[in-house]
Amino acid sequence: MDKDTFLSKITEIGTCEDQAQRNSLLVGLSDDMGTVFDNFANTSSQITTLNEEINKYKEDITALQRYNMELFKKIDAQKSQAEQIKDSTGIEQPESNNKRKFEDLFKPEA
């Protein structure tokens, strides 16, 4: 029952001259309002249940995100220094032994 229907029934009860008809209209209104309040109570309990589920899911998502971040941080921690360099540069071993000096640029090779 919506607001307009409720108001029209109240107006009809208020303008009714016959006592028996008025009692009948009041009983009908009482039954209709009982249904409205029952639906409201059910809806309210459903909303409460759904809000609790939403909060639980938010907590689960936060826990999963935290766990995923911990796993993500462990990816580089398990690799050796050489593997980390290879992943970042694509070079397996840096050339540390063959470093040239500036003076060597002007020396003729034999």
C-alpha atoms as a PDB file:
ATOM      1  CA  MET A   1       0.000   0.000   0.000  1.00  0.00           C
ATOM      2  CA  ASP A   2       1.369   3.387  -0.927  1.00  0.00           C
ATOM      3  CA  LYS A   3       0.821   6.744   0.734  1.00  0.00           C
ATOM      4  CA  ASP A   4      -1.973   7.902  -1.596  1.00  0.00           C
ATOM      5  CA  THR A   5      -3.973   4.686  -1.118  1.00  0.00           C
ATOM      6  CA  PHE A   6      -3.606   4.960   2.644  1.00  0.00           C
ATOM      7  CA  LEU A   7      -4.770   8.591   2.672  1.00  0.00           C
ATOM      8  CA  SER A   8      -7.737   7.842   0.431  1.00  0.00           C
ATOM      9  CA  LYS A   9      -8.844   4.983   2.715  1.00  0.00           C
ATOM     10  CA  ILE A  10      -8.549   7.241   5.777  1.00  0.00           C
ATOM     11  CA  THR A  11     -10.632   9.883   4.002  1.00  0.00           C
ATOM     12  CA  GLU A  12     -13.206   7.260   3.017  1.00  0.00           C
ATOM     13  CA  ILE A  13     -13.443   6.044   6.623  1.00  0.00           C
ATOM     14  CA  GLY A  14     -13.795   9.634   7.867  1.00  0.00           C
ATOM     15  CA  THR A  15     -16.637  10.433   5.466  1.00  0.00           C
ATOM     16  CA  CYS A  16     -18.535   7.154   5.927  1.00  0.00           C
ATOM     17  CA  GLU A  17     -21.922   7.573   7.645  1.00  0.00           C
ATOM     18  CA  ASP A  18     -22.737   3.886   8.201  1.00  0.00           C
ATOM     19  CA  GLN A  19     -21.149   2.416  11.347  1.00  0.00           C
ATOM     20  CA  ALA A  20     -21.044  -1.172   9.980  1.00  0.00           C
ATOM     21  CA  GLN A  21     -19.356  -0.044   6.762  1.00  0.00           C
ATOM     22  CA  ARG A  22     -16.910   2.105   8.751  1.00  0.00           C
ATOM     23  CA  ASN A  23     -15.981  -0.910  10.915  1.00  0.00           C
ATOM     24  CA  SER A  24     -15.502  -2.997   7.768  1.00  0.00           C
ATOM     25  CA  LEU A  25     -13.254  -0.311   6.247  1.00  0.00           C
ATOM     26  CA  LEU A  26     -11.233  -0.076   9.478  1.00  0.00           C
ATOM     27  CA  VAL A  27     -10.701  -3.862   9.516  1.00  0.00           C
ATOM     28  CA  GLY A  28      -9.547  -3.745   5.879  1.00  0.00           C
ATOM     29  CA  LEU A  29      -7.203  -0.852   6.648  1.00  0.00           C
ATOM     30  CA  SER A  30      -5.864  -2.682   9.687  1.00  0.00           C
ATOM     31  CA  ASP A  31      -5.117  -5.802   7.605  1.00  0.00           C
ATOM     32  CA  ASP A  32      -3.440  -3.751   4.869  1.00  0.00           C
ATOM     33  CA  MET A  33      -1.297  -1.855   7.375  1.00  0.00           C
ATOM     34  CA  GLY A  34      -0.323  -5.125   9.090  1.00  0.00           C
ATOM     35  CA  THR A  35       1.005  -6.334   5.728  1.00  0.00           C
ATOM     36  CA  VAL A  36       2.872  -3.057   5.205  1.00  0.00           C
ATOM     37  CA  PHE A  37       4.546  -3.263   8.619  1.00  0.00           C
ATOM     38  CA  ASP A  38       5.425  -6.947   8.123  1.00  0.00           C
ATOM     39  CA  ASN A  39       7.014  -6.126   4.760  1.00  0.00           C
ATOM     40  CA  PHE A  40       8.894  -3.252   6.382  1.00  0.00           C
ATOM     41  CA  ALA A  41      10.210  -5.509   9.144  1.00  0.00           C
ATOM     42  CA  ASN A  42      11.304  -8.140   6.612  1.00  0.00           C
ATOM     43  CA  THR A  43      12.952  -5.520   4.447  1.00  0.00           C
ATOM     44  CA  SER A  44      14.693  -4.001   7.435  1.00  0.00           C
ATOM     45  CA  SER A  45      16.088  -7.373   8.537  1.00  0.00           C
ATOM     46  CA  GLN A  46      17.224  -8.090   4.959  1.00  0.00           C
ATOM     47  CA  ILE A  47      19.010  -4.744   4.825  1.00  0.00           C
ATOM     48  CA  THR A  48      20.743  -5.485   8.120  1.00  0.00           C
ATOM     49  CA  THR A  49      21.795  -8.936   6.903  1.00  0.00           C
ATOM     50  CA  LEU A  50      23.080  -7.557   3.602  1.00  0.00           C
ATOM     51  CA  ASN A  51      25.029  -4.797   5.357  1.00  0.00           C
ATOM     52  CA  GLU A  52      26.664  -7.398   7.601  1.00  0.00           C
ATOM     53  CA  GLU A  53      27.585  -9.479   4.544  1.00  0.00           C
ATOM     54  CA  ILE A  54      29.003  -6.404   2.795  1.00  0.00           C
ATOM     55  CA  ASN A  55      31.147  -5.591   5.824  1.00  0.00           C
ATOM     56  CA  LYS A  56      32.375  -9.203   5.976  1.00  0.00           C
ATOM     57  CA  TYR A  57      33.235  -9.146   2.268  1.00  0.00           C
ATOM     58  CA  LYS A  58      35.070  -5.830   2.699  1.00  0.00           C
ATOM     59  CA  GLU A  59      37.136  -7.354   5.497  1.00  0.00           C
ATOM     60  CA  ASP A  60      37.853 -10.432   3.358  1.00  0.00           C
ATOM     61  CA  ILE A  61      38.908  -8.266   0.409  1.00  0.00           C
ATOM     62  CA  THR A  62      41.183  -6.174   2.620  1.00  0.00           C
ATOM     63  CA  ALA A  63      42.794  -9.325   4.042  1.00  0.00           C
ATOM     64  CA  LEU A  64      43.300 -10.759   0.551  1.00  0.00           C
ATOM     65  CA  GLN A  65      44.817  -7.513  -0.710  1.00  0.00           C
ATOM     66  CA  ARG A  66      47.197  -7.451   2.248  1.00  0.00           C
ATOM     67  CA  TYR A  67      48.193 -11.073   1.623  1.00  0.00           C
ATOM     68  CA  ASN A  68      48.689 -10.439  -2.114  1.00  0.00           C
ATOM     69  CA  MET A  69      50.925  -7.483  -1.323  1.00  0.00           C
ATOM     70  CA  GLU A  70      53.025  -9.661   0.982  1.00  0.00           C
ATOM     71  CA  LEU A  71      53.382 -12.258  -1.786  1.00  0.00           C
ATOM     72  CA  PHE A  72      54.239  -9.551  -4.307  1.00  0.00           C
ATOM     73  CA  LYS A  73      56.982  -8.222  -2.042  1.00  0.00           C
ATOM     74  CA  LYS A  74      58.444 -11.733  -1.713  1.00  0.00           C
ATOM     75  CA  ILE A  75      58.925 -12.117  -5.474  1.00  0.00           C
ATOM     76  CA  ASP A  76      62.107 -10.040  -5.614  1.00  0.00           C
ATOM     77  CA  ALA A  77      63.274 -11.141  -2.185  1.00  0.00           C
ATOM     78  CA  GLN A  78      63.701 -14.753  -3.354  1.00  0.00           C
ATOM     79  CA  LYS A  79      65.830 -13.870  -6.383  1.00  0.00           C
ATOM     80  CA  SER A  80      69.569 -13.544  -6.301  1.00  0.00           C
ATOM     81  CA  GLN A  81      71.314 -10.294  -7.172  1.00  0.00           C
ATOM     82  CA  ALA A  82      72.244 -11.644 -10.630  1.00  0.00           C
ATOM     83  CA  GLU A  83      68.650 -12.653 -11.370  1.00  0.00           C
ATOM     84  CA  GLN A  84      67.360  -9.238 -10.303  1.00  0.00           C
ATOM     85  CA  ILE A  85      69.877  -7.513 -12.589  1.00  0.00           C
ATOM     86  CA  LYS A  86      68.930  -9.788 -15.480  1.00  0.00           C
ATOM     87  CA  ASP A  87      65.213  -9.084 -14.941  1.00  0.00           C
ATOM     88  CA  SER A  88      65.732  -5.327 -14.862  1.00  0.00           C
ATOM     89  CA  THR A  89      68.318  -4.989 -17.673  1.00  0.00           C
ATOM     90  CA  GLY A  90      68.043  -8.139 -19.749  1.00  0.00           C
ATOM     91  CA  ILE A  91      71.814  -8.677 -19.476  1.00  0.00           C
ATOM     92  CA  GLU A  92      72.951 -11.877 -17.817  1.00  0.00           C
ATOM     93  CA  GLN A  93      76.343 -10.740 -16.547  1.00  0.00           C
ATOM     94  CA  PRO A  94      77.496  -7.165 -16.495  1.00  0.00           C
ATOM     95  CA  GLU A  95      80.828  -6.487 -18.111  1.00  0.00           C
ATOM     96  CA  SER A  96      83.011  -5.763 -15.129  1.00  0.00           C
ATOM     97  CA  ASN A  97      86.304  -7.256 -16.372  1.00  0.00           C
ATOM     98  CA  ASN A  98      86.478  -5.457 -19.685  1.00  0.00           C
ATOM     99  CA  LYS A  99      86.253  -1.896 -18.523  1.00  0.00           C
ATOM    100  CA  ARG A 100      88.215   0.458 -20.714  1.00  0.00           C
ATOM    101  CA  LYS A 101      90.147   3.441 -19.617  1.00  0.00           C
ATOM    102  CA  PHE A 102      90.119   6.794 -21.310  1.00  0.00           C
ATOM    103  CA  GLU A 103      93.817   6.507 -22.084  1.00  0.00           C
ATOM    104  CA  ASP A 104      93.237   3.272 -23.974  1.00  0.00           C
ATOM    105  CA  LEU A 105      91.205   5.089 -26.613  1.00  0.00           C
ATOM    106  CA  PHE A 106      94.312   6.761 -28.033  1.00  0.00           C
ATOM    107  CA  LYS A 107      96.654   3.792 -27.963  1.00  0.00           C
ATOM    108  CA  PRO A 108      96.999   1.921 -31.224  1.00  0.00           C
ATOM    109  CA  GLU A 109      96.172  -1.725 -30.930  1.00  0.00           C
ATOM    110  CA  ALA A 110      98.900  -4.131 -31.718  1.00  0.00           C
END
